[in-house]
Amino acid sequence: MKILISADIEGVAGVFNVEQTRPGNSEYERARRWMTEETNAAIRGAFKGGAQSVLVNDSHGSFRNLLADQLDARAQFVMGKPRYLGMMSGLELGCEAVVLLGYHSRAQGRGILAHTINSFAFARVEVNDQVMGEAGLYGSLATEMGVPVLLGSGDDQFISENTQHFPSAVWVQTKTAYGHSSGVTRSMVDVQQELEEKTALAVRTHIEAANQSGQTLETQLRMQAPIRCRLTTQGPSIADLFCTLPTLTRIDGVTIGFTSATMHDLIRTLNSLAAMSFMLR
């Protein structure tokens, strides 16, 4: 059993301010260490639950935040960009289940540091009329590839947004959101302990179910083709830029739309648009 851990930073215990998520300051250096420690807890849990190998995807920003020399030596790591599957890179290497660690609420959500993929450019992402954040988008991609989401960790708003998408998943609440940059965090020691225990439980349950039925745990967030994406941008100039691509349709001053045959194609399009937006920074 090979497990993929997709690790973000905004949902990690103790992280509340954007400064903690951006390189170049001491606050970020501390936050990336907390991110690494939570990741190690999930790695330990995965092996304790019966995983034979673990692959960790550094899924935040530049995709090079985890302290590689401090990560559990039993795991391997996907770092750096670009990569076609973004936050789900590693699924194509034979991973059979995924953990969403340190994830956050969607853009316009009420969670801590809520956003979707690119806070500069994306104000709202809807897929087949469902508003989605990164967990929904990438979890749906995993579903499309036949891989279930076993566990998710982050604040209470992240969890409430995604329990309906992944009803069989286990959840670890790291903090309670009061606003975009405020709330109450749990003890990091307690969060890491719970992550280890619940990851072990989720992996063990998954393996037992697979052995009994020959099938993976059910995941429900499967998008039916054609998959329609409606993207609200942060301003008309960004929509202008995106619509230089002939496959996109302008809906109004700040909204564009496109259709994809698969979530794989949709994710690649969104990530390409996010990269394009750096032209306007």
C-alpha atoms as a PDB file:
ATOM      1  CA  MET A   1       0.000   0.000   0.000  1.00  0.00           C
ATOM      2  CA  LYS A   2       1.476   3.321  -1.139  1.00  0.00           C
ATOM      3  CA  ILE A   3       0.123   6.498   0.456  1.00  0.00           C
ATOM      4  CA  LEU A   4       0.407  10.062  -0.869  1.00  0.00           C
ATOM      5  CA  ILE A   5       0.493  12.906   1.667  1.00  0.00           C
ATOM      6  CA  SER A   6      -0.290  16.263   0.034  1.00  0.00           C
ATOM      7  CA  ALA A   7       0.973  18.875   2.506  1.00  0.00           C
ATOM      8  CA  ASP A   8      -0.102  22.529   2.481  1.00  0.00           C
ATOM      9  CA  ILE A   9       0.734  25.148   5.126  1.00  0.00           C
ATOM     10  CA  GLU A  10      -2.304  27.389   5.759  1.00  0.00           C
ATOM     11  CA  GLY A  11      -4.140  24.692   7.704  1.00  0.00           C
ATOM     12  CA  VAL A  12      -1.208  23.866   9.983  1.00  0.00           C
ATOM     13  CA  ALA A  13      -1.638  24.583  13.702  1.00  0.00           C
ATOM     14  CA  GLY A  14      -0.282  28.001  14.652  1.00  0.00           C
ATOM     15  CA  VAL A  15      -0.467  29.508  11.155  1.00  0.00           C
ATOM     16  CA  PHE A  16      -2.737  32.573  10.940  1.00  0.00           C
ATOM     17  CA  ASN A  17      -0.979  35.317   8.980  1.00  0.00           C
ATOM     18  CA  VAL A  18       0.070  35.489   5.339  1.00  0.00           C
ATOM     19  CA  GLU A  19       3.615  36.391   6.438  1.00  0.00           C
ATOM     20  CA  GLN A  20       3.906  32.885   7.846  1.00  0.00           C
ATOM     21  CA  THR A  21       3.281  31.414   4.397  1.00  0.00           C
ATOM     22  CA  ARG A  22       5.768  33.461   2.359  1.00  0.00           C
ATOM     23  CA  PRO A  23       9.558  32.942   2.305  1.00  0.00           C
ATOM     24  CA  GLY A  24      11.980  35.614   3.397  1.00  0.00           C
ATOM     25  CA  ASN A  25      11.171  36.106   7.070  1.00  0.00           C
ATOM     26  CA  SER A  26      11.581  34.351  10.412  1.00  0.00           C
ATOM     27  CA  GLU A  27       7.840  33.713  10.799  1.00  0.00           C
ATOM     28  CA  TYR A  28       7.834  31.627   7.621  1.00  0.00           C
ATOM     29  CA  GLU A  29      10.867  29.642   8.768  1.00  0.00           C
ATOM     30  CA  ARG A  30       9.039  28.681  11.955  1.00  0.00           C
ATOM     31  CA  ALA A  31       5.818  27.827  10.093  1.00  0.00           C
ATOM     32  CA  ARG A  32       7.577  25.568   7.591  1.00  0.00           C
ATOM     33  CA  ARG A  33       9.098  23.689  10.541  1.00  0.00           C
ATOM     34  CA  TRP A  34       5.577  23.186  11.984  1.00  0.00           C
ATOM     35  CA  MET A  35       4.446  22.017   8.537  1.00  0.00           C
ATOM     36  CA  THR A  36       7.320  19.527   8.481  1.00  0.00           C
ATOM     37  CA  GLU A  37       6.471  18.248  11.977  1.00  0.00           C
ATOM     38  CA  GLU A  38       2.813  17.666  11.089  1.00  0.00           C
ATOM     39  CA  THR A  39       3.900  15.897   7.918  1.00  0.00           C
ATOM     40  CA  ASN A  40       6.186  13.629   9.930  1.00  0.00           C
ATOM     41  CA  ALA A  41       3.291  12.785  12.247  1.00  0.00           C
ATOM     42  CA  ALA A  42       1.199  11.709   9.237  1.00  0.00           C
ATOM     43  CA  ILE A  43       4.127   9.695   7.839  1.00  0.00           C
ATOM     44  CA  ARG A  44       4.524   7.861  11.141  1.00  0.00           C
ATOM     45  CA  GLY A  45       0.808   7.172  11.222  1.00  0.00           C
ATOM     46  CA  ALA A  46       0.733   5.867   7.659  1.00  0.00           C
ATOM     47  CA  PHE A  47       3.473   3.343   8.356  1.00  0.00           C
ATOM     48  CA  LYS A  48       1.900   2.422  11.695  1.00  0.00           C
ATOM     49  CA  GLY A  49      -1.367   1.755   9.855  1.00  0.00           C
ATOM     50  CA  GLY A  50       0.298  -0.655   7.448  1.00  0.00           C
ATOM     51  CA  ALA A  51       1.517   1.440   4.529  1.00  0.00           C
ATOM     52  CA  GLN A  52       4.464  -0.094   2.706  1.00  0.00           C
ATOM     53  CA  SER A  53       5.649   3.229   1.269  1.00  0.00           C
ATOM     54  CA  VAL A  54       4.797   6.910   1.635  1.00  0.00           C
ATOM     55  CA  LEU A  55       5.255   9.716  -0.872  1.00  0.00           C
ATOM     56  CA  VAL A  56       4.995  13.327   0.336  1.00  0.00           C
ATOM     57  CA  ASN A  57       3.943  16.118  -2.026  1.00  0.00           C
ATOM     58  CA  ASP A  58       5.055  19.602  -0.928  1.00  0.00           C
ATOM     59  CA  SER A  59       1.886  21.415  -2.034  1.00  0.00           C
ATOM     60  CA  HIS A  60       2.333  25.023  -0.946  1.00  0.00           C
ATOM     61  CA  GLY A  61       3.405  28.011  -3.051  1.00  0.00           C
ATOM     62  CA  SER A  62       6.723  27.262  -4.692  1.00  0.00           C
ATOM     63  CA  PHE A  63       6.367  23.602  -3.650  1.00  0.00           C
ATOM     64  CA  ARG A  64       9.679  23.738  -1.772  1.00  0.00           C
ATOM     65  CA  ASN A  65       8.735  24.479   1.818  1.00  0.00           C
ATOM     66  CA  LEU A  66       9.220  21.218   3.692  1.00  0.00           C
ATOM     67  CA  LEU A  67      12.561  20.781   5.431  1.00  0.00           C
ATOM     68  CA  ALA A  68      13.717  17.732   3.511  1.00  0.00           C
ATOM     69  CA  ASP A  69      16.573  16.947   5.885  1.00  0.00           C
ATOM     70  CA  GLN A  70      14.136  16.784   8.802  1.00  0.00           C
ATOM     71  CA  LEU A  71      11.486  14.592   7.185  1.00  0.00           C
ATOM     72  CA  ASP A  72      11.075  10.937   8.140  1.00  0.00           C
ATOM     73  CA  ALA A  73      13.718   9.035   6.181  1.00  0.00           C
ATOM     74  CA  ARG A  74      11.276   6.250   5.290  1.00  0.00           C
ATOM     75  CA  ALA A  75       9.315   8.571   2.967  1.00  0.00           C
ATOM     76  CA  GLN A  76      10.137  10.075  -0.414  1.00  0.00           C
ATOM     77  CA  PHE A  77       9.314  13.635  -1.424  1.00  0.00           C
ATOM     78  CA  VAL A  78       7.900  15.448  -4.456  1.00  0.00           C
ATOM     79  CA  MET A  79       9.128  19.048  -4.457  1.00  0.00           C
ATOM     80  CA  GLY A  80       9.456  21.969  -6.898  1.00  0.00           C
ATOM     81  CA  LYS A  81       7.472  23.044  -9.951  1.00  0.00           C
ATOM     82  CA  PRO A  82       6.098  22.975 -12.591  1.00  0.00           C
ATOM     83  CA  ARG A  83       4.307  19.644 -12.438  1.00  0.00           C
ATOM     84  CA  TYR A  84       1.187  18.567 -14.281  1.00  0.00           C
ATOM     85  CA  LEU A  85      -0.824  17.321 -11.295  1.00  0.00           C
ATOM     86  CA  GLY A  86       0.150  20.146  -8.941  1.00  0.00           C
ATOM     87  CA  MET A  87      -0.909  19.325  -5.391  1.00  0.00           C
ATOM     88  CA  MET A  88      -1.697  15.729  -6.428  1.00  0.00           C
ATOM     89  CA  SER A  89       1.630  14.964  -8.080  1.00  0.00           C
ATOM     90  CA  GLY A  90       2.599  11.456  -7.051  1.00  0.00           C
ATOM     91  CA  LEU A  91      -0.736   9.820  -7.783  1.00  0.00           C
ATOM     92  CA  GLU A  92       0.631   8.826 -11.172  1.00  0.00           C
ATOM     93  CA  LEU A  93       3.366   6.857  -9.391  1.00  0.00           C
ATOM     94  CA  GLY A  94       1.013   4.207  -8.093  1.00  0.00           C
ATOM     95  CA  CYS A  95      -0.312   5.779  -4.892  1.00  0.00           C
ATOM     96  CA  GLU A  96      -3.470   4.063  -3.667  1.00  0.00           C
ATOM     97  CA  ALA A  97      -4.809   6.625  -1.172  1.00  0.00           C
ATOM     98  CA  VAL A  98      -4.228  10.262  -0.272  1.00  0.00           C
ATOM     99  CA  VAL A  99      -4.019  12.424   2.848  1.00  0.00           C
ATOM    100  CA  LEU A 100      -4.784  16.168   2.594  1.00  0.00           C
ATOM    101  CA  LEU A 101      -2.636  17.731   5.311  1.00  0.00           C
ATOM    102  CA  GLY A 102      -2.710  21.394   6.382  1.00  0.00           C
ATOM    103  CA  TYR A 103      -5.395  22.337   3.847  1.00  0.00           C
ATOM    104  CA  HIS A 104      -7.605  25.427   4.095  1.00  0.00           C
ATOM    105  CA  SER A 105     -10.994  26.919   3.253  1.00  0.00           C
ATOM    106  CA  ARG A 106     -11.902  27.918  -0.307  1.00  0.00           C
ATOM    107  CA  ALA A 107     -11.774  31.430  -1.756  1.00  0.00           C
ATOM    108  CA  GLN A 108     -14.534  33.573  -0.202  1.00  0.00           C
ATOM    109  CA  GLY A 109     -14.825  30.986   2.556  1.00  0.00           C
ATOM    110  CA  ARG A 110     -14.707  31.888   6.238  1.00  0.00           C
ATOM    111  CA  GLY A 111     -11.583  29.949   7.101  1.00  0.00           C
ATOM    112  CA  ILE A 112      -8.112  31.105   8.038  1.00  0.00           C
ATOM    113  CA  LEU A 113      -6.134  32.342   4.998  1.00  0.00           C
ATOM    114  CA  ALA A 114      -8.941  31.118   2.726  1.00  0.00           C
ATOM    115  CA  HIS A 115      -8.157  31.084  -1.005  1.00  0.00           C
ATOM    116  CA  THR A 116      -8.201  28.806  -4.028  1.00  0.00           C
ATOM    117  CA  ILE A 117      -4.912  28.125  -5.867  1.00  0.00           C
ATOM    118  CA  ASN A 118      -4.008  31.782  -6.489  1.00  0.00           C
ATOM    119  CA  SER A 119      -5.307  34.510  -4.179  1.00  0.00           C
ATOM    120  CA  PHE A 120      -4.037  37.261  -6.488  1.00  0.00           C
ATOM    121  CA  ALA A 121      -6.066  36.092  -9.489  1.00  0.00           C
ATOM    122  CA  PHE A 122      -8.884  33.739  -8.407  1.00  0.00           C
ATOM    123  CA  ALA A 123     -11.864  35.038  -6.424  1.00  0.00           C
ATOM    124  CA  ARG A 124     -14.164  32.032  -6.895  1.00  0.00           C
ATOM    125  CA  VAL A 125     -14.004  28.675  -8.684  1.00  0.00           C
ATOM    126  CA  GLU A 126     -17.146  26.728  -9.586  1.00  0.00           C
ATOM    127  CA  VAL A 127     -17.107  23.307 -11.194  1.00  0.00           C
ATOM    128  CA  ASN A 128     -20.381  21.895 -12.518  1.00  0.00           C
ATOM    129  CA  ASP A 129     -22.138  24.558 -10.429  1.00  0.00           C
ATOM    130  CA  GLN A 130     -20.347  23.589  -7.195  1.00  0.00           C
ATOM    131  CA  VAL A 131     -18.111  26.148  -5.489  1.00  0.00           C
ATOM    132  CA  MET A 132     -14.809  24.421  -4.800  1.00  0.00           C
ATOM    133  CA  GLY A 133     -11.559  24.997  -2.998  1.00  0.00           C
ATOM    134  CA  GLU A 134      -8.294  23.164  -3.420  1.00  0.00           C
ATOM    135  CA  ALA A 135      -9.478  20.128  -1.476  1.00  0.00           C
ATOM    136  CA  GLY A 136     -12.534  19.716  -3.689  1.00  0.00           C
ATOM    137  CA  LEU A 137     -10.633  20.267  -6.917  1.00  0.00           C
ATOM    138  CA  TYR A 138      -7.711  18.014  -6.141  1.00  0.00           C
ATOM    139  CA  GLY A 139      -9.800  15.477  -4.257  1.00  0.00           C
ATOM    140  CA  SER A 140     -12.013  15.172  -7.324  1.00  0.00           C
ATOM    141  CA  LEU A 141      -8.903  14.644  -9.431  1.00  0.00           C
ATOM    142  CA  ALA A 142      -7.858  11.847  -7.067  1.00  0.00           C
ATOM    143  CA  THR A 143     -11.328  10.302  -7.372  1.00  0.00           C
ATOM    144  CA  GLU A 144     -11.062  10.436 -11.155  1.00  0.00           C
ATOM    145  CA  MET A 145      -7.810   8.483 -10.857  1.00  0.00           C
ATOM    146  CA  GLY A 146      -9.441   5.900  -8.585  1.00  0.00           C
ATOM    147  CA  VAL A 147      -7.714   7.093  -5.412  1.00  0.00           C
ATOM    148  CA  PRO A 148      -9.726   7.842  -2.223  1.00  0.00           C
ATOM    149  CA  VAL A 149      -9.108  10.689   0.225  1.00  0.00           C
ATOM    150  CA  LEU A 150      -8.517   9.028   3.602  1.00  0.00           C
ATOM    151  CA  LEU A 151      -7.903  12.021   5.856  1.00  0.00           C
ATOM    152  CA  GLY A 152      -7.959  15.807   5.844  1.00  0.00           C
ATOM    153  CA  SER A 153      -6.554  18.281   8.367  1.00  0.00           C
ATOM    154  CA  GLY A 154      -7.104  22.010   8.762  1.00  0.00           C
ATOM    155  CA  ASP A 155      -9.404  24.481  10.483  1.00  0.00           C
ATOM    156  CA  ASP A 156     -13.080  23.964  11.261  1.00  0.00           C
ATOM    157  CA  GLN A 157     -14.270  25.816   8.133  1.00  0.00           C
ATOM    158  CA  PHE A 158     -12.142  23.649   5.854  1.00  0.00           C
ATOM    159  CA  ILE A 159     -13.620  20.548   7.440  1.00  0.00           C
ATOM    160  CA  SER A 160     -17.231  21.756   7.235  1.00  0.00           C
ATOM    161  CA  GLU A 161     -16.790  22.593   3.539  1.00  0.00           C
ATOM    162  CA  ASN A 162     -15.448  19.160   2.621  1.00  0.00           C
ATOM    163  CA  THR A 163     -17.133  16.499   4.762  1.00  0.00           C
ATOM    164  CA  GLN A 164     -19.912  16.190   2.191  1.00  0.00           C
ATOM    165  CA  HIS A 165     -17.367  15.645  -0.578  1.00  0.00           C
ATOM    166  CA  PHE A 166     -15.484  12.894   1.262  1.00  0.00           C
ATOM    167  CA  PRO A 167     -17.958  11.243   3.653  1.00  0.00           C
ATOM    168  CA  SER A 168     -15.709   8.288   4.470  1.00  0.00           C
ATOM    169  CA  ALA A 169     -12.652  10.428   5.290  1.00  0.00           C
ATOM    170  CA  VAL A 170     -11.268  11.035   8.775  1.00  0.00           C
ATOM    171  CA  TRP A 171     -10.720  14.645   9.901  1.00  0.00           C
ATOM    172  CA  VAL A 172      -8.266  16.393  12.224  1.00  0.00           C
ATOM    173  CA  GLN A 173      -9.164  19.936  13.272  1.00  0.00           C
ATOM    174  CA  THR A 174      -6.010  21.968  13.891  1.00  0.00           C
ATOM    175  CA  LYS A 175      -7.670  25.272  14.839  1.00  0.00           C
ATOM    176  CA  THR A 176     -10.930  27.229  14.917  1.00  0.00           C
ATOM    177  CA  ALA A 177     -11.359  30.166  12.563  1.00  0.00           C
ATOM    178  CA  TYR A 178     -12.685  33.496  13.845  1.00  0.00           C
ATOM    179  CA  GLY A 179     -11.841  35.287  10.596  1.00  0.00           C
ATOM    180  CA  HIS A 180      -9.396  35.348   7.728  1.00  0.00           C
ATOM    181  CA  SER A 181      -6.405  35.935   9.999  1.00  0.00           C
ATOM    182  CA  SER A 182      -7.681  35.114  13.472  1.00  0.00           C
ATOM    183  CA  GLY A 183      -8.839  32.194  15.542  1.00  0.00           C
ATOM    184  CA  VAL A 184      -7.804  29.687  18.189  1.00  0.00           C
ATOM    185  CA  THR A 185      -5.118  27.091  17.559  1.00  0.00           C
ATOM    186  CA  ARG A 186      -4.771  23.755  19.268  1.00  0.00           C
ATOM    187  CA  SER A 187      -1.529  22.655  20.874  1.00  0.00           C
ATOM    188  CA  MET A 188       0.902  21.554  18.180  1.00  0.00           C
ATOM    189  CA  VAL A 189       1.865  18.511  20.228  1.00  0.00           C
ATOM    190  CA  ASP A 190      -1.782  17.446  20.511  1.00  0.00           C
ATOM    191  CA  VAL A 191      -2.423  18.000  16.792  1.00  0.00           C
ATOM    192  CA  GLN A 192       0.602  15.950  15.815  1.00  0.00           C
ATOM    193  CA  GLN A 193      -0.410  13.137  18.130  1.00  0.00           C
ATOM    194  CA  GLU A 194      -3.929  13.076  16.695  1.00  0.00           C
ATOM    195  CA  LEU A 195      -2.586  13.192  13.144  1.00  0.00           C
ATOM    196  CA  GLU A 196      -0.422  10.161  13.809  1.00  0.00           C
ATOM    197  CA  GLU A 197      -3.232   8.212  15.451  1.00  0.00           C
ATOM    198  CA  LYS A 198      -5.938   9.059  12.912  1.00  0.00           C
ATOM    199  CA  THR A 199      -3.698   8.548   9.885  1.00  0.00           C
ATOM    200  CA  ALA A 200      -2.858   5.095  11.245  1.00  0.00           C
ATOM    201  CA  LEU A 201      -6.560   4.380  11.750  1.00  0.00           C
ATOM    202  CA  ALA A 202      -7.523   5.644   8.286  1.00  0.00           C
ATOM    203  CA  VAL A 203      -4.813   3.637   6.515  1.00  0.00           C
ATOM    204  CA  ARG A 204      -5.544   0.488   8.521  1.00  0.00           C
ATOM    205  CA  THR A 205      -9.277   0.762   7.808  1.00  0.00           C
ATOM    206  CA  HIS A 206      -8.594   1.335   4.123  1.00  0.00           C
ATOM    207  CA  ILE A 207      -6.346  -1.711   3.871  1.00  0.00           C
ATOM    208  CA  GLU A 208      -8.864  -3.912   5.679  1.00  0.00           C
ATOM    209  CA  ALA A 209     -11.707  -2.755   3.435  1.00  0.00           C
ATOM    210  CA  ALA A 210      -9.613  -3.322   0.311  1.00  0.00           C
ATOM    211  CA  ASN A 211      -8.662  -6.834   1.460  1.00  0.00           C
ATOM    212  CA  GLN A 212     -12.260  -7.752   2.227  1.00  0.00           C
ATOM    213  CA  SER A 213     -13.973  -6.368  -0.844  1.00  0.00           C
ATOM    214  CA  GLY A 214     -11.157  -5.933  -3.334  1.00  0.00           C
ATOM    215  CA  GLN A 215     -12.226  -2.309  -3.689  1.00  0.00           C
ATOM    216  CA  THR A 216     -11.075   0.985  -2.238  1.00  0.00           C
ATOM    217  CA  LEU A 217     -13.237   3.100   0.039  1.00  0.00           C
ATOM    218  CA  GLU A 218     -16.002   4.971  -1.705  1.00  0.00           C
ATOM    219  CA  THR A 219     -15.363   8.556  -2.693  1.00  0.00           C
ATOM    220  CA  GLN A 220     -18.277  10.635  -3.903  1.00  0.00           C
ATOM    221  CA  LEU A 221     -16.818  13.734  -5.505  1.00  0.00           C
ATOM    222  CA  ARG A 222     -16.754  12.502  -9.089  1.00  0.00           C
ATOM    223  CA  MET A 223     -17.402  15.068 -11.820  1.00  0.00           C
ATOM    224  CA  GLN A 224     -19.367  14.063 -14.900  1.00  0.00           C
ATOM    225  CA  ALA A 225     -18.110  15.199 -18.301  1.00  0.00           C
ATOM    226  CA  PRO A 226     -18.322  17.656 -19.855  1.00  0.00           C
ATOM    227  CA  ILE A 227     -16.919  19.442 -16.822  1.00  0.00           C
ATOM    228  CA  ARG A 228     -17.822  23.129 -16.738  1.00  0.00           C
ATOM    229  CA  CYS A 229     -15.629  25.609 -14.897  1.00  0.00           C
ATOM    230  CA  ARG A 230     -16.752  29.139 -14.050  1.00  0.00           C
ATOM    231  CA  LEU A 231     -13.877  31.238 -12.734  1.00  0.00           C
ATOM    232  CA  THR A 232     -14.430  34.613 -11.113  1.00  0.00           C
ATOM    233  CA  THR A 233     -11.239  36.637 -11.257  1.00  0.00           C
ATOM    234  CA  GLN A 234     -10.056  39.355  -8.891  1.00  0.00           C
ATOM    235  CA  GLY A 235     -10.510  42.040 -11.539  1.00  0.00           C
ATOM    236  CA  PRO A 236     -11.246  42.821 -15.216  1.00  0.00           C
ATOM    237  CA  SER A 237      -7.571  43.051 -16.165  1.00  0.00           C
ATOM    238  CA  ILE A 238      -7.019  39.471 -15.069  1.00  0.00           C
ATOM    239  CA  ALA A 239     -10.050  38.312 -17.044  1.00  0.00           C
ATOM    240  CA  ASP A 240      -8.675  40.247 -20.043  1.00  0.00           C
ATOM    241  CA  LEU A 241      -5.399  38.377 -19.746  1.00  0.00           C
ATOM    242  CA  PHE A 242      -6.964  34.945 -19.331  1.00  0.00           C
ATOM    243  CA  CYS A 243      -9.222  35.418 -22.362  1.00  0.00           C
ATOM    244  CA  THR A 244      -6.222  35.703 -24.634  1.00  0.00           C
ATOM    245  CA  LEU A 245      -6.572  31.921 -24.625  1.00  0.00           C
ATOM    246  CA  PRO A 246      -9.100  31.001 -27.347  1.00  0.00           C
ATOM    247  CA  THR A 247     -10.546  28.117 -25.323  1.00  0.00           C
ATOM    248  CA  LEU A 248     -11.933  30.493 -22.685  1.00  0.00           C
ATOM    249  CA  THR A 249     -15.224  32.385 -22.848  1.00  0.00           C
ATOM    250  CA  ARG A 250     -15.849  35.800 -21.297  1.00  0.00           C
ATOM    251  CA  ILE A 251     -19.031  35.726 -19.212  1.00  0.00           C
ATOM    252  CA  ASP A 252     -18.863  39.211 -17.724  1.00  0.00           C
ATOM    253  CA  GLY A 253     -16.282  41.763 -16.667  1.00  0.00           C
ATOM    254  CA  VAL A 254     -14.600  39.499 -14.120  1.00  0.00           C
ATOM    255  CA  THR A 255     -15.883  36.029 -14.983  1.00  0.00           C
ATOM    256  CA  ILE A 256     -14.638  33.498 -17.521  1.00  0.00           C
ATOM    257  CA  GLY A 257     -15.707  29.982 -18.379  1.00  0.00           C
ATOM    258  CA  PHE A 258     -14.308  26.881 -20.030  1.00  0.00           C
ATOM    259  CA  THR A 259     -15.157  23.214 -20.446  1.00  0.00           C
ATOM    260  CA  SER A 260     -12.886  20.226 -19.881  1.00  0.00           C
ATOM    261  CA  ALA A 261     -13.252  16.542 -20.614  1.00  0.00           C
ATOM    262  CA  THR A 262     -11.548  15.521 -17.343  1.00  0.00           C
ATOM    263  CA  MET A 263     -10.555  16.970 -13.971  1.00  0.00           C
ATOM    264  CA  HIS A 264      -6.976  16.352 -15.037  1.00  0.00           C
ATOM    265  CA  ASP A 265      -7.402  18.807 -17.917  1.00  0.00           C
ATOM    266  CA  LEU A 266      -9.321  21.279 -15.746  1.00  0.00           C
ATOM    267  CA  ILE A 267      -6.612  21.334 -13.070  1.00  0.00           C
ATOM    268  CA  ARG A 268      -3.904  21.859 -15.690  1.00  0.00           C
ATOM    269  CA  THR A 269      -5.874  24.762 -17.165  1.00  0.00           C
ATOM    270  CA  LEU A 270      -6.361  26.439 -13.783  1.00  0.00           C
ATOM    271  CA  ASN A 271      -2.690  26.062 -12.910  1.00  0.00           C
ATOM    272  CA  SER A 272      -1.704  27.506 -16.290  1.00  0.00           C
ATOM    273  CA  LEU A 273      -3.971  30.514 -15.684  1.00  0.00           C
ATOM    274  CA  ALA A 274      -2.466  30.987 -12.233  1.00  0.00           C
ATOM    275  CA  ALA A 275       0.996  31.042 -13.796  1.00  0.00           C
ATOM    276  CA  MET A 276      -0.172  33.558 -16.445  1.00  0.00           C
ATOM    277  CA  SER A 277      -1.389  35.934 -13.750  1.00  0.00           C
ATOM    278  CA  PHE A 278       2.188  36.670 -12.674  1.00  0.00           C
ATOM    279  CA  MET A 279       2.429  38.876 -15.787  1.00  0.00           C
ATOM    280  CA  LEU A 280       0.221  41.419 -14.013  1.00  0.00           C
ATOM    281  CA  ARG A 281       1.933  41.467 -10.628  1.00  0.00           C
END
